[in-house]
C-alpha cells in the first residue's frame, strides 16, 4: 500500500479536471514518517495533518514534525472546506492530553511545536483553559521549545482569548480562511468581522510579537477580494500571512473552482508586501503550520526554532 493511501490524504478533484503540473511532486519516504506515526499512536494523539487530510503530511512527518490537534478529533462546527469530523456533542476533554503532547514533542525532538484545536462551542470558555494547560506543560517539560498556537475564535469570548494570549506563545495564529463574500459558505459559525476583531485584539495584547493569519484560494474568490482581505489583515495588525491552494478533502465538501497558478501567488505576495505586510508565505502547498519552525527562524532569527533551512516564501516547490 502506498503511504498516501495508508494516511488517507488523497484529495478529491471534482469539476476542474486533472491536477496541473505545479500540484505534482514526488512522495517522500524515510523512517521519520513511521516514527512520527508511531509517536502519535503511542500517545493516542490526533493531528490536523491526518484529520484535515493535509497534502503535506508525508513531507512533514518524514521530517518528524506534525501539528497537534487538541481537544479531540470532533469539531462542533461543520465548515464547508474542512474534513475534520463534526459533532454537536464531542467527548470530554482529557486531563492528561497536555502531558501527552509534551511527551510527544520531547520524543520527536521538536524545537518548535504547533498546536491547533477543534472548535469546542460546547464549552463555556471554548477550551481556552485546556489550551493554557497544554502550553504550560510544553514549557515545563520541554524547555527551550518555541510554541505556536492556532486557535478557534472561542465564540468571541474575549476573556478566554486573553487567558490564551497571556501564555505568550512565540506565534499566535487565527485564520481568516477566505474573503468576506465567501465566509458564510466556507465557514460554519465564524464571521469575517469577528475574525478581524480577534486579530486586532491579539495585536494589541502581543506588542511586537508575531500575529499570523492564513487563507485559501481557489474557491471562487476574485483577485480584488483577496487584495481586500490582505488590506484588512494588515489593518488588524497581522504581520505574518500564509496563503495556499484549496483542495477538496471530501466529495461532500466545497468544490475547487480554480487551480491558482504559482505566478498569481507571487503577485499576491508582491501586493501584500507593497501594503506593508512584512512576512508572506504563499504557494500552492502552503498551509498555516507548514514549515512553521523554519518560518519562525526566518521571521525572528530564532536559531533553536528548527535545524532545517527555511524554504523560499513563494515557489512552485
Protein backbone atom coordinates (compact mmCIF):
# COMPACT_ATOMS: atom_id res chain seq x y z
CA UNK A 1 0.00 0.00 0.00
CA UNK A 2 1.29 3.46 -0.91
CA UNK A 3 1.95 5.81 2.00
CA UNK A 4 -0.51 8.34 0.56
CA UNK A 5 -3.23 5.68 0.65
CA UNK A 6 -2.42 4.49 4.17
CA UNK A 7 -2.58 8.03 5.52
CA UNK A 8 -5.76 8.81 3.52
CA UNK A 9 -4.65 12.21 2.24
CA UNK A 10 -5.51 11.90 -1.43
CA UNK A 11 -7.62 14.99 -2.24
CA UNK A 12 -10.68 14.80 -4.44
CA UNK A 13 -10.90 16.68 -7.73
CA UNK A 14 -14.40 17.48 -8.94
CA UNK A 15 -15.33 19.69 -11.85
CA UNK A 16 -11.97 21.29 -12.65
CA UNK A 17 -10.09 18.49 -14.43
CA UNK A 18 -6.75 16.93 -13.60
CA UNK A 19 -4.18 18.45 -11.29
CA UNK A 20 -1.89 20.90 -13.10
CA UNK A 21 1.83 20.27 -13.23
CA UNK A 22 2.63 22.51 -10.27
CA UNK A 23 0.50 20.33 -7.99
CA UNK A 24 2.53 17.19 -8.74
CA UNK A 25 5.54 16.28 -6.63
CA UNK A 26 7.37 13.13 -5.53
CA UNK A 27 6.23 11.41 -2.34
CA UNK A 28 8.87 11.48 0.42
CA UNK A 29 9.87 8.33 2.25
CA UNK A 30 12.00 7.56 5.26
CA UNK A 31 11.96 6.22 8.79
CA UNK A 32 10.85 9.58 10.16
CA UNK A 33 7.41 9.09 8.63
CA UNK A 34 6.76 5.92 10.60
CA UNK A 35 8.43 7.26 13.74
CA UNK A 36 6.05 10.21 13.74
CA UNK A 37 3.07 7.96 13.20
CA UNK A 38 4.24 5.65 15.99
CA UNK A 39 4.60 8.51 18.45
CA UNK A 40 1.11 9.81 17.73
CA UNK A 41 -0.39 6.33 18.06
CA UNK A 42 1.51 5.55 21.26
CA UNK A 43 0.35 8.78 22.88
CA UNK A 44 -3.20 8.47 21.46
CA UNK A 45 -2.98 11.94 19.95
CA UNK A 46 -4.68 13.50 16.96
CA UNK A 47 -3.11 15.72 14.33
CA UNK A 48 -4.68 18.19 11.94
CA UNK A 49 -2.38 16.62 9.36
CA UNK A 50 -4.48 13.46 9.31
CA UNK A 51 -7.90 14.71 10.34
CA UNK A 52 -7.93 17.52 7.74
CA UNK A 53 -6.14 15.45 5.07
CA UNK A 54 -3.26 17.89 4.66
CA UNK A 55 -1.38 17.31 1.38
CA UNK A 56 1.92 17.98 3.18
CA UNK A 57 1.53 15.14 5.70
CA UNK A 58 4.07 12.80 4.15
CA UNK A 59 6.69 15.51 3.77
CA UNK A 60 6.28 16.87 7.29
CA UNK A 61 6.02 13.52 9.04
CA UNK A 62 9.10 12.27 7.22
CA UNK A 63 10.90 15.18 8.95
CA UNK A 64 9.33 14.14 12.29
CA UNK A 65 7.14 17.24 12.52
CA UNK A 66 3.37 17.38 12.97
CA UNK A 67 0.65 19.78 14.08
CA UNK A 68 -1.13 18.61 17.21
CA UNK A 69 -4.93 18.75 17.18
CA UNK A 70 -6.06 19.34 20.75
CA UNK A 71 -9.36 18.56 22.46
CA UNK A 72 -10.32 15.54 20.42
CA UNK A 73 -10.95 14.96 16.74
CA UNK A 74 -14.59 16.05 16.67
CA UNK A 75 -15.39 19.70 15.96
CA UNK A 76 -18.61 21.48 16.91
CA UNK A 77 -18.53 23.32 13.58
CA UNK A 78 -19.12 21.85 10.14
CA UNK A 79 -17.20 24.21 7.86
CA UNK A 80 -17.55 23.81 4.12
CA UNK A 81 -13.83 23.37 3.47
CA UNK A 82 -12.72 21.20 6.39
CA UNK A 83 -12.85 17.42 6.67
CA UNK A 84 -12.49 17.22 10.46
CA UNK A 85 -15.40 15.21 11.90
CA UNK A 86 -18.42 17.19 13.10
CA UNK A 87 -20.28 16.53 16.33
CA UNK A 88 -22.70 18.59 18.38
CA UNK A 89 -21.61 16.69 21.48
CA UNK A 90 -17.90 15.82 21.27
CA UNK A 91 -16.27 13.82 24.01
CA UNK A 92 -14.99 15.30 27.28
CA UNK A 93 -11.58 16.91 27.49
CA UNK A 94 -8.79 14.56 28.55
CA UNK A 95 -6.90 15.97 31.52
CA UNK A 96 -3.69 14.14 30.59
CA UNK A 97 -3.64 15.38 27.00
CA UNK A 98 -1.32 18.34 27.77
CA UNK A 99 1.29 15.98 29.21
CA UNK A 100 0.91 13.54 26.31
CA UNK A 101 1.50 16.35 23.84
CA UNK A 102 4.58 17.49 25.77
CA UNK A 103 5.94 13.94 25.87
CA UNK A 104 5.43 13.60 22.12
CA UNK A 105 7.30 16.84 21.49
CA UNK A 106 10.20 15.53 23.54
CA UNK A 107 10.11 12.13 21.83
CA UNK A 108 10.15 13.66 18.33
CA UNK A 109 12.88 16.12 19.29
CA UNK A 110 10.83 19.10 18.14
CA UNK A 111 12.26 22.57 18.65
CA UNK A 112 9.10 24.34 17.51
CA UNK A 113 5.69 22.94 18.44
CA UNK A 114 2.48 23.87 16.64
CA UNK A 115 -0.77 23.22 18.49
CA UNK A 116 -4.18 23.79 16.98
CA UNK A 117 -7.63 22.82 18.21
CA UNK A 118 -11.08 21.81 17.15
CA UNK A 119 -13.78 24.37 17.86
CA UNK A 120 -15.39 23.49 21.18
CA UNK A 121 -18.51 25.64 21.28
CA UNK A 122 -19.92 23.20 23.84
CA UNK A 123 -17.51 24.54 26.48
CA UNK A 124 -18.11 27.87 28.28
CA UNK A 125 -14.57 29.07 27.52
CA UNK A 126 -14.28 27.33 24.15
CA UNK A 127 -11.43 25.22 25.53
CA UNK A 128 -9.18 28.15 26.44
CA UNK A 129 -8.07 26.80 29.84
CA UNK A 130 -7.20 23.45 28.30
CA UNK A 131 -5.08 25.24 25.71
CA UNK A 132 -3.36 27.15 28.51
CA UNK A 133 -2.62 23.84 30.24
CA UNK A 134 -1.05 22.50 27.04
CA UNK A 135 1.27 25.49 26.72
CA UNK A 136 2.23 25.24 30.40
CA UNK A 137 3.03 21.53 30.01
CA UNK A 138 5.20 22.19 26.97
CA UNK A 139 7.08 24.97 28.74
CA UNK A 140 7.56 22.83 31.85
CA UNK A 141 8.54 19.56 30.17
CA UNK A 142 10.32 20.86 27.04
CA UNK A 143 12.47 23.86 28.00
CA UNK A 144 13.58 25.93 25.04
CA UNK A 145 10.86 24.68 22.68
CA UNK A 146 9.03 27.52 20.95
CA UNK A 147 5.25 27.36 20.73
CA UNK A 148 2.81 28.33 18.01
CA UNK A 149 -0.92 28.37 18.76
CA UNK A 150 -3.58 28.21 16.05
CA UNK A 151 -6.84 28.78 17.89
CA UNK A 152 -10.55 28.91 17.22
CA UNK A 153 -12.36 32.22 17.74
CA UNK A 154 -13.59 30.93 21.13
CA UNK A 155 -17.06 32.14 20.09
CA UNK A 156 -15.96 35.71 20.70
CA UNK A 157 -15.22 35.14 24.40
CA UNK A 158 -12.57 37.81 24.80
CA UNK A 159 -11.79 36.95 28.41
CA UNK A 160 -10.97 33.43 27.27
CA UNK A 161 -8.82 34.85 24.48
CA UNK A 162 -6.92 36.98 27.00
CA UNK A 163 -6.11 33.84 29.01
CA UNK A 164 -4.67 32.17 25.93
CA UNK A 165 -2.71 35.26 24.91
CA UNK A 166 -1.27 35.50 28.45
CA UNK A 167 0.70 32.31 27.77
CA UNK A 168 2.76 34.38 25.33
CA UNK A 169 3.25 31.84 22.53
CA UNK A 170 6.05 32.74 20.14
CA UNK A 171 3.48 32.79 17.32
CA UNK A 172 -0.26 33.40 17.69
CA UNK A 173 -2.37 32.37 14.71
CA UNK A 174 -6.03 32.59 13.80
CA UNK A 175 -7.04 32.06 10.18
CA UNK A 176 -9.38 34.28 8.20
CA UNK A 177 -9.66 31.34 5.75
CA UNK A 178 -11.37 33.19 2.86
CA UNK A 179 -12.63 36.53 1.58
CA UNK A 180 -15.56 38.38 3.11
CA UNK A 181 -18.14 37.43 0.44
CA UNK A 182 -17.45 33.72 0.71
CA UNK A 183 -17.18 33.47 4.51
CA UNK A 184 -20.80 32.36 5.11
CA UNK A 185 -20.38 29.42 2.71
CA UNK A 186 -16.86 28.45 3.71
CA UNK A 187 -17.10 28.79 7.49
CA UNK A 188 -19.83 27.46 9.74
CA UNK A 189 -20.06 29.94 12.61
CA UNK A 190 -17.06 32.24 12.44
CA UNK A 191 -17.64 35.63 10.83
CA UNK A 192 -15.28 37.81 8.85
CA UNK A 193 -15.64 40.81 11.15
CA UNK A 194 -15.20 38.80 14.35
CA UNK A 195 -12.07 37.31 12.85
CA UNK A 196 -10.63 40.78 12.26
CA UNK A 197 -11.61 41.86 15.77
CA UNK A 198 -9.90 38.83 17.30
CA UNK A 199 -6.73 39.50 15.33
CA UNK A 200 -6.76 43.18 16.30
CA UNK A 201 -7.15 42.24 19.97
CA UNK A 202 -4.26 39.82 19.66
CA UNK A 203 -2.15 42.53 18.08
CA UNK A 204 -2.81 44.96 20.95
CA UNK A 205 -2.05 42.28 23.55
CA UNK A 206 1.14 40.98 21.95
CA UNK A 207 3.08 44.14 21.34
CA UNK A 208 5.65 43.36 18.68
CA UNK A 209 5.26 39.56 18.89
CA UNK A 210 4.04 37.99 15.63
CA UNK A 211 0.34 37.67 14.83
CA UNK A 212 -0.39 35.29 11.99
CA UNK A 213 -3.37 34.52 9.77
CA UNK A 214 -3.96 32.48 6.65
CA UNK A 215 -6.37 31.99 3.80
CA UNK A 216 -7.12 29.61 0.95
CA UNK A 217 -7.62 30.47 -2.71
CA UNK A 218 -9.28 28.54 -5.48
CA UNK A 219 -12.79 28.65 -4.00
CA UNK A 220 -14.13 31.17 -6.50
CA UNK A 221 -12.81 34.39 -4.99
CA UNK A 222 -11.73 37.31 -7.18
CA UNK A 223 -8.25 38.86 -7.18
CA UNK A 224 -9.67 42.15 -5.88
CA UNK A 225 -11.30 40.31 -2.99
CA UNK A 226 -8.04 38.64 -1.99
CA UNK A 227 -6.30 42.02 -2.09
CA UNK A 228 -9.08 43.47 0.08
CA UNK A 229 -8.56 40.65 2.58
CA UNK A 230 -4.83 41.36 2.70
CA UNK A 231 -5.58 45.03 3.38
CA UNK A 232 -8.00 44.06 6.16
CA UNK A 233 -5.44 41.73 7.75
CA UNK A 234 -2.81 44.44 7.61
CA UNK A 235 -5.19 46.94 9.21
CA UNK A 236 -5.89 44.44 12.01
CA UNK A 237 -2.17 44.24 12.74
CA UNK A 238 -1.36 40.87 11.19
CA UNK A 239 2.30 40.68 10.23
CA UNK A 240 2.53 37.06 9.03
CA UNK A 241 0.22 35.77 6.28
CA UNK A 242 0.06 32.30 4.75
CA UNK A 243 -1.87 31.54 1.56
CA UNK A 244 -2.34 28.22 -0.23
CA UNK A 245 -4.43 26.36 -2.76
CA UNK A 246 -7.71 24.90 -1.51
CA UNK A 247 -8.01 21.18 -2.26
CA UNK A 248 -11.33 19.44 -1.77
CA UNK A 249 -10.81 16.87 1.02
CA UNK A 250 -14.09 15.01 0.50
CA UNK A 251 -16.81 14.83 -2.14
CA UNK A 252 -19.31 16.40 0.27
CA UNK A 253 -17.14 19.47 0.81
CA UNK A 254 -16.88 22.62 -1.31
CA UNK A 255 -15.54 22.05 -4.80
CA UNK A 256 -12.36 23.55 -6.15
CA UNK A 257 -13.26 26.31 -8.59
CA UNK A 258 -9.74 27.11 -9.80
CA UNK A 259 -6.18 25.90 -9.55
CA UNK A 260 -4.37 29.16 -8.91
CA UNK A 261 -1.14 29.47 -10.88
CA UNK A 262 2.10 29.99 -8.93
CA UNK A 263 2.57 33.33 -10.74
CA UNK A 264 -0.66 34.57 -9.17
CA UNK A 265 0.59 33.54 -5.74
CA UNK A 266 3.70 35.59 -6.39
CA UNK A 267 1.51 38.53 -7.40
CA UNK A 268 -0.46 38.24 -4.14
CA UNK A 269 2.78 38.19 -2.17
CA UNK A 270 4.06 41.26 -4.01
CA UNK A 271 0.80 43.09 -3.30
CA UNK A 272 0.94 42.15 0.39
CA UNK A 273 4.47 43.46 0.70
CA UNK A 274 3.50 46.66 -1.11
CA UNK A 275 0.87 47.49 1.53
CA UNK A 276 3.22 46.77 4.42
CA UNK A 277 2.76 43.12 5.42
CA UNK A 278 6.32 42.09 6.29
CA UNK A 279 6.05 38.29 6.07
CA UNK A 280 4.08 36.40 3.41
CA UNK A 281 4.46 32.66 2.89
CA UNK A 282 2.42 31.67 -0.14
CA UNK A 283 2.24 28.93 -2.75
CA UNK A 284 0.03 26.04 -3.88
CA UNK A 285 1.01 23.73 -1.00
CA UNK A 286 1.25 26.38 1.69
CA UNK A 287 -0.73 25.71 4.87
CA UNK A 288 -0.90 27.55 8.18
CA UNK A 289 1.58 25.35 10.01
CA UNK A 290 3.66 24.18 7.05
CA UNK A 291 7.38 24.57 7.82
CA UNK A 292 6.34 26.72 10.79
CA UNK A 293 9.62 26.32 12.64
CA UNK A 294 11.68 27.32 9.62
CA UNK A 295 9.47 30.34 9.05
CA UNK A 296 9.80 31.39 12.70
CA UNK A 297 13.55 31.28 12.25
CA UNK A 298 13.20 33.35 9.09
CA UNK A 299 10.97 35.91 10.84
CA UNK A 300 12.85 36.30 14.09
CA UNK A 301 16.20 34.62 13.59
CA UNK A 302 15.44 32.23 16.45
CA UNK A 303 18.21 29.74 16.00
CA UNK A 304 16.60 26.98 18.05
CA UNK A 305 13.33 27.05 16.12
CA UNK A 306 14.48 24.40 13.67
CA UNK A 307 17.62 22.89 12.25
CA UNK A 308 16.19 22.85 8.74
CA UNK A 309 16.90 25.65 6.28
CA UNK A 310 13.95 27.95 5.71
CA UNK A 311 12.31 27.28 2.34
CA UNK A 312 11.53 30.07 -0.03
CA UNK A 313 8.42 32.02 0.87
CA UNK A 314 7.00 31.78 -2.63
CA UNK A 315 7.55 28.99 -5.08
CA UNK A 316 6.31 26.04 -7.03
CA UNK A 317 8.17 23.66 -4.77
